[in-house]
Amino acid sequence: MGMHHKSKMTHAGNTTNFDVSYLTKLGQQGANLAQAILQNCERDYTTLKQIFGGLTPQRMPYSRRVGSIISKSRFRTRRAR
């Protein structure tokens, strides 16, 4: 996913290990996806940490930006028609 200028991003929230933002022009769809990430990211992180024997990355918290993911999904949907 490419880097977006900060003024184009809306901060959705953060957890202990994640900081989540979305591309402002995505509107409610971006906000909804960001909230879904926030609701599940700590659980998923804990699961992965257990799988890899408790390894923890040095750089925390992770910064997640929602943007290109939605665009790619739309592309795949159009192409599949």
N, C-alpha and C. Protein backbone atom coordinates (compact mmCIF):
# COMPACT_ATOMS: atom_id res chain seq x y z
N MET A 1 0.84 -1.16 0.00
CA MET A 1 0.00 0.00 0.00
C MET A 1 0.89 1.23 0.00
N GLY A 2 0.58 2.19 -0.83
CA GLY A 2 1.39 3.40 -0.92
C GLY A 2 1.19 4.31 0.27
N MET A 3 2.12 5.21 0.45
CA MET A 3 2.03 6.18 1.53
C MET A 3 1.11 7.32 1.09
N HIS A 4 0.26 7.77 1.99
CA HIS A 4 -0.64 8.88 1.71
C HIS A 4 -0.27 10.05 2.58
N HIS A 5 -0.41 11.26 2.06
CA HIS A 5 -0.12 12.46 2.82
C HIS A 5 -1.04 12.50 4.03
N LYS A 6 -0.50 12.87 5.20
CA LYS A 6 -1.26 12.83 6.44
C LYS A 6 -2.56 13.61 6.38
N SER A 7 -2.62 14.72 5.64
CA SER A 7 -3.85 15.51 5.60
C SER A 7 -4.98 14.76 4.91
N LYS A 8 -4.67 13.73 4.16
CA LYS A 8 -5.69 12.94 3.47
C LYS A 8 -6.16 11.75 4.30
N MET A 9 -5.59 11.57 5.48
CA MET A 9 -5.91 10.44 6.33
C MET A 9 -6.76 10.88 7.51
N THR A 10 -7.68 10.01 7.93
CA THR A 10 -8.48 10.25 9.12
C THR A 10 -8.10 9.18 10.15
N HIS A 11 -7.74 9.62 11.34
CA HIS A 11 -7.36 8.68 12.40
C HIS A 11 -8.63 8.02 12.93
N ALA A 12 -8.65 6.68 12.92
CA ALA A 12 -9.83 5.94 13.36
C ALA A 12 -9.73 5.52 14.82
N GLY A 13 -8.51 5.33 15.31
CA GLY A 13 -8.34 4.91 16.70
C GLY A 13 -7.07 4.12 16.88
N ASN A 14 -6.86 3.69 18.09
CA ASN A 14 -5.67 2.90 18.37
C ASN A 14 -5.95 1.88 19.48
N THR A 15 -5.11 0.87 19.51
CA THR A 15 -5.14 -0.16 20.55
C THR A 15 -3.76 -0.17 21.17
N THR A 16 -3.48 -1.13 21.99
CA THR A 16 -2.16 -1.23 22.61
C THR A 16 -1.06 -1.33 21.57
N ASN A 17 -1.29 -2.08 20.49
CA ASN A 17 -0.24 -2.37 19.52
C ASN A 17 -0.49 -1.84 18.12
N PHE A 18 -1.61 -1.17 17.88
CA PHE A 18 -1.94 -0.72 16.54
C PHE A 18 -2.48 0.71 16.54
N ASP A 19 -2.14 1.44 15.49
CA ASP A 19 -2.64 2.79 15.25
C ASP A 19 -3.26 2.74 13.85
N VAL A 20 -4.57 2.99 13.74
CA VAL A 20 -5.29 2.77 12.48
C VAL A 20 -5.87 4.08 11.94
N SER A 21 -5.63 4.32 10.67
CA SER A 21 -6.18 5.47 9.96
C SER A 21 -6.73 4.99 8.62
N TYR A 22 -7.56 5.82 8.00
CA TYR A 22 -8.08 5.47 6.68
C TYR A 22 -8.06 6.69 5.78
N LEU A 23 -8.02 6.44 4.50
CA LEU A 23 -8.02 7.49 3.50
C LEU A 23 -9.36 8.22 3.59
N THR A 24 -9.33 9.51 3.88
CA THR A 24 -10.53 10.29 4.15
C THR A 24 -11.55 10.19 3.02
N LYS A 25 -11.11 10.18 1.79
CA LYS A 25 -12.05 10.15 0.66
C LYS A 25 -12.86 8.85 0.59
N LEU A 26 -12.49 7.84 1.37
CA LEU A 26 -13.26 6.60 1.40
C LEU A 26 -14.53 6.73 2.22
N GLY A 27 -14.64 7.79 2.98
CA GLY A 27 -15.86 8.07 3.74
C GLY A 27 -16.23 6.96 4.70
N GLN A 28 -17.52 6.66 4.74
CA GLN A 28 -18.04 5.67 5.70
C GLN A 28 -17.48 4.28 5.46
N GLN A 29 -17.23 3.93 4.21
CA GLN A 29 -16.66 2.61 3.91
C GLN A 29 -15.28 2.47 4.54
N GLY A 30 -14.47 3.50 4.46
CA GLY A 30 -13.15 3.48 5.09
C GLY A 30 -13.25 3.43 6.61
N ALA A 31 -14.19 4.20 7.17
CA ALA A 31 -14.40 4.21 8.62
C ALA A 31 -14.84 2.83 9.11
N ASN A 32 -15.74 2.20 8.37
CA ASN A 32 -16.22 0.87 8.77
C ASN A 32 -15.10 -0.17 8.73
N LEU A 33 -14.29 -0.14 7.69
CA LEU A 33 -13.19 -1.09 7.58
C LEU A 33 -12.17 -0.84 8.69
N ALA A 34 -11.87 0.42 8.97
CA ALA A 34 -10.92 0.75 10.04
C ALA A 34 -11.44 0.25 11.38
N GLN A 35 -12.73 0.40 11.65
CA GLN A 35 -13.30 -0.09 12.90
C GLN A 35 -13.22 -1.61 13.00
N ALA A 36 -13.44 -2.29 11.88
CA ALA A 36 -13.32 -3.76 11.87
C ALA A 36 -11.89 -4.18 12.20
N ILE A 37 -10.93 -3.45 11.66
CA ILE A 37 -9.52 -3.74 11.96
C ILE A 37 -9.26 -3.54 13.45
N LEU A 38 -9.74 -2.43 13.99
CA LEU A 38 -9.54 -2.14 15.42
C LEU A 38 -10.18 -3.19 16.32
N GLN A 39 -11.32 -3.71 15.92
CA GLN A 39 -12.02 -4.71 16.73
C GLN A 39 -11.31 -6.06 16.76
N ASN A 40 -10.52 -6.36 15.74
CA ASN A 40 -9.92 -7.70 15.63
C ASN A 40 -8.40 -7.75 15.71
N CYS A 41 -7.72 -6.63 15.58
CA CYS A 41 -6.27 -6.66 15.43
C CYS A 41 -5.53 -7.21 16.65
N GLU A 42 -5.95 -6.89 17.85
CA GLU A 42 -5.25 -7.38 19.04
C GLU A 42 -5.41 -8.89 19.19
N ARG A 43 -6.60 -9.39 18.93
CA ARG A 43 -6.83 -10.84 18.99
C ARG A 43 -5.96 -11.55 17.96
N ASP A 44 -5.94 -11.03 16.73
CA ASP A 44 -5.14 -11.63 15.67
C ASP A 44 -3.66 -11.57 15.99
N TYR A 45 -3.23 -10.44 16.54
CA TYR A 45 -1.82 -10.27 16.92
C TYR A 45 -1.43 -11.30 17.99
N THR A 46 -2.29 -11.49 18.98
CA THR A 46 -2.02 -12.45 20.05
C THR A 46 -1.90 -13.86 19.48
N THR A 47 -2.78 -14.21 18.55
CA THR A 47 -2.73 -15.53 17.92
C THR A 47 -1.42 -15.72 17.18
N LEU A 48 -1.03 -14.74 16.37
CA LEU A 48 0.23 -14.85 15.62
C LEU A 48 1.43 -14.90 16.55
N LYS A 49 1.38 -14.13 17.60
CA LYS A 49 2.49 -14.13 18.56
C LYS A 49 2.65 -15.52 19.18
N GLN A 50 1.55 -16.18 19.49
CA GLN A 50 1.60 -17.55 20.04
C GLN A 50 2.17 -18.53 19.02
N ILE A 51 1.75 -18.39 17.77
CA ILE A 51 2.23 -19.28 16.71
C ILE A 51 3.74 -19.17 16.56
N PHE A 52 4.27 -17.95 16.68
CA PHE A 52 5.70 -17.72 16.50
C PHE A 52 6.48 -17.69 17.81
N GLY A 53 5.98 -18.38 18.81
CA GLY A 53 6.72 -18.57 20.05
C GLY A 53 6.93 -17.31 20.87
N GLY A 54 6.02 -16.37 20.78
CA GLY A 54 6.11 -15.17 21.60
C GLY A 54 6.98 -14.06 21.06
N LEU A 55 7.46 -14.19 19.84
CA LEU A 55 8.29 -13.13 19.25
C LEU A 55 7.51 -11.83 19.15
N THR A 56 8.16 -10.73 19.49
CA THR A 56 7.52 -9.42 19.43
C THR A 56 8.41 -8.50 18.59
N PRO A 57 7.85 -7.86 17.57
CA PRO A 57 8.63 -6.92 16.76
C PRO A 57 9.16 -5.77 17.60
N GLN A 58 10.29 -5.21 17.20
CA GLN A 58 10.90 -4.12 17.95
C GLN A 58 10.11 -2.83 17.80
N ARG A 59 9.56 -2.59 16.62
CA ARG A 59 8.83 -1.34 16.39
C ARG A 59 7.35 -1.52 16.67
N MET A 60 6.90 -0.93 17.74
CA MET A 60 5.49 -0.98 18.10
C MET A 60 5.07 0.42 18.50
N PRO A 61 3.87 0.88 18.34
CA PRO A 61 2.77 0.14 17.75
C PRO A 61 2.87 0.14 16.23
N TYR A 62 2.16 -0.81 15.61
CA TYR A 62 2.05 -0.86 14.16
C TYR A 62 1.14 0.27 13.71
N SER A 63 1.46 0.85 12.60
CA SER A 63 0.61 1.88 12.01
C SER A 63 -0.05 1.28 10.78
N ARG A 64 -1.38 1.19 10.77
CA ARG A 64 -2.13 0.62 9.66
C ARG A 64 -2.92 1.73 9.00
N ARG A 65 -2.83 1.81 7.67
CA ARG A 65 -3.56 2.81 6.91
C ARG A 65 -4.44 2.12 5.89
N VAL A 66 -5.73 2.35 5.98
CA VAL A 66 -6.70 1.75 5.06
C VAL A 66 -6.83 2.66 3.85
N GLY A 67 -6.62 2.10 2.67
CA GLY A 67 -6.73 2.90 1.45
C GLY A 67 -6.75 2.02 0.23
N SER A 68 -5.60 1.57 -0.17
CA SER A 68 -5.47 0.79 -1.39
C SER A 68 -6.20 -0.54 -1.33
N ILE A 69 -6.40 -1.07 -0.16
CA ILE A 69 -7.07 -2.37 -0.02
C ILE A 69 -8.46 -2.30 -0.64
N ILE A 70 -9.20 -1.25 -0.36
CA ILE A 70 -10.55 -1.12 -0.90
C ILE A 70 -10.50 -0.96 -2.42
N SER A 71 -9.57 -0.17 -2.91
CA SER A 71 -9.45 0.03 -4.36
C SER A 71 -9.16 -1.29 -5.06
N LYS A 72 -8.29 -2.10 -4.50
CA LYS A 72 -7.96 -3.39 -5.12
C LYS A 72 -9.16 -4.31 -5.11
N SER A 73 -9.95 -4.30 -4.04
CA SER A 73 -11.14 -5.14 -3.97
C SER A 73 -12.13 -4.74 -5.06
N ARG A 74 -12.31 -3.46 -5.26
CA ARG A 74 -13.23 -3.00 -6.29
C ARG A 74 -12.74 -3.42 -7.67
N PHE A 75 -11.45 -3.33 -7.90
CA PHE A 75 -10.88 -3.73 -9.19
C PHE A 75 -11.17 -5.20 -9.45
N ARG A 76 -10.94 -6.03 -8.46
CA ARG A 76 -11.17 -7.46 -8.63
C ARG A 76 -12.65 -7.74 -8.89
N THR A 77 -13.52 -7.02 -8.21
CA THR A 77 -14.96 -7.23 -8.39
C THR A 77 -15.35 -6.86 -9.81
N ARG A 78 -14.90 -5.72 -10.31
CA ARG A 78 -15.24 -5.30 -11.67
C ARG A 78 -14.70 -6.30 -12.69
N ARG A 79 -13.49 -6.73 -12.48
CA ARG A 79 -12.85 -7.62 -13.43
C ARG A 79 -13.56 -8.98 -13.49
N ALA A 80 -14.12 -9.40 -12.38
CA ALA A 80 -14.77 -10.71 -12.33
C ALA A 80 -16.10 -10.74 -13.06
N ARG A 81 -16.65 -9.60 -13.36
CA ARG A 81 -17.97 -9.55 -14.04
C ARG A 81 -17.92 -10.04 -15.45
